[in-house]
């Protein structure tokens, strides 16, 4: 009897194998780590596309005091 699996299960397995081959850990950065990352970009002179910082991240950075509205305006994010 053939092994019957859904296409979704097979695709997920291929994804997991590819990620393992690339050395990916599958771990995501915490929200606070993401906020520090984006705040560092906003506060630096490095290239920052306006669409890179979403509304949720922007509002969280402002709430934590990592950036100011003036900095966000200067960088074209706000």
Protein backbone atom coordinates (compact mmCIF):
# COMPACT_ATOMS: atom_id res chain seq x y z
CA UNK A 1 0.00 0.00 0.00
CA UNK A 2 1.50 3.37 -0.99
CA UNK A 3 2.29 5.95 1.65
CA UNK A 4 -0.42 8.60 1.26
CA UNK A 5 0.37 12.04 2.60
CA UNK A 6 -1.06 15.40 1.81
CA UNK A 7 0.76 17.74 -0.51
CA UNK A 8 1.00 20.19 2.39
CA UNK A 9 2.80 17.65 4.58
CA UNK A 10 5.28 16.81 1.81
CA UNK A 11 5.94 20.52 1.13
CA UNK A 12 6.47 21.18 4.83
CA UNK A 13 8.94 18.29 5.06
CA UNK A 14 10.91 19.64 2.07
CA UNK A 15 10.96 23.09 3.69
CA UNK A 16 12.30 21.69 6.96
CA UNK A 17 14.99 19.72 5.14
CA UNK A 18 16.09 22.76 3.09
CA UNK A 19 16.25 24.92 6.22
CA UNK A 20 18.35 22.28 8.01
CA UNK A 21 20.71 22.06 5.04
CA UNK A 22 21.19 25.84 5.10
CA UNK A 23 21.96 25.74 8.79
CA UNK A 24 18.82 27.57 9.87
CA UNK A 25 17.85 27.06 13.48
CA UNK A 26 14.22 27.99 13.01
CA UNK A 27 14.48 30.38 15.95
CA UNK A 28 13.05 33.86 15.57
CA UNK A 29 14.30 36.94 17.31
CA UNK A 30 12.20 38.11 20.22
CA UNK A 31 10.14 41.27 19.86
CA UNK A 32 12.57 43.24 22.00
CA UNK A 33 15.49 42.07 19.82
CA UNK A 34 13.59 43.12 16.71
CA UNK A 35 12.84 46.53 18.21
CA UNK A 36 16.50 47.10 19.04
CA UNK A 37 17.47 46.03 15.49
CA UNK A 38 15.05 48.45 13.83
CA UNK A 39 15.80 51.28 16.27
CA UNK A 40 19.49 50.89 15.46
CA UNK A 41 18.68 51.28 11.76
CA UNK A 42 16.51 54.34 12.36
CA UNK A 43 19.16 55.97 14.55
CA UNK A 44 22.00 55.28 12.12
CA UNK A 45 22.97 56.76 8.76
CA UNK A 46 22.58 53.40 7.00
CA UNK A 47 20.11 52.93 4.17
CA UNK A 48 16.56 52.42 5.47
CA UNK A 49 13.67 51.88 3.05
CA UNK A 50 10.54 53.59 4.37
CA UNK A 51 8.53 50.39 3.94
CA UNK A 52 10.95 48.34 6.05
CA UNK A 53 9.49 49.45 9.38
CA UNK A 54 5.85 48.44 9.78
CA UNK A 55 3.24 50.16 11.92
CA UNK A 56 3.43 47.69 14.80
CA UNK A 57 7.22 47.91 15.06
CA UNK A 58 7.12 51.70 14.72
CA UNK A 59 4.55 52.12 17.49
CA UNK A 60 6.39 49.67 19.77
CA UNK A 61 9.69 51.53 19.29
CA UNK A 62 7.97 54.81 20.14
CA UNK A 63 6.28 53.29 23.21
CA UNK A 64 9.62 51.97 24.52
CA UNK A 65 11.37 55.27 23.82
CA UNK A 66 13.89 53.73 21.42
CA UNK A 67 13.20 56.36 18.75
CA UNK A 68 11.44 59.70 18.54
CA UNK A 69 8.82 60.87 16.07
CA UNK A 70 11.34 63.41 14.79
CA UNK A 71 13.85 60.65 14.00
CA UNK A 72 11.17 58.64 12.22
CA UNK A 73 10.13 61.68 10.17
CA UNK A 74 13.74 62.44 9.23
CA UNK A 75 14.15 58.86 7.99
CA UNK A 76 10.85 58.91 6.08
CA UNK A 77 9.21 56.23 8.21
CA UNK A 78 6.52 58.43 9.75
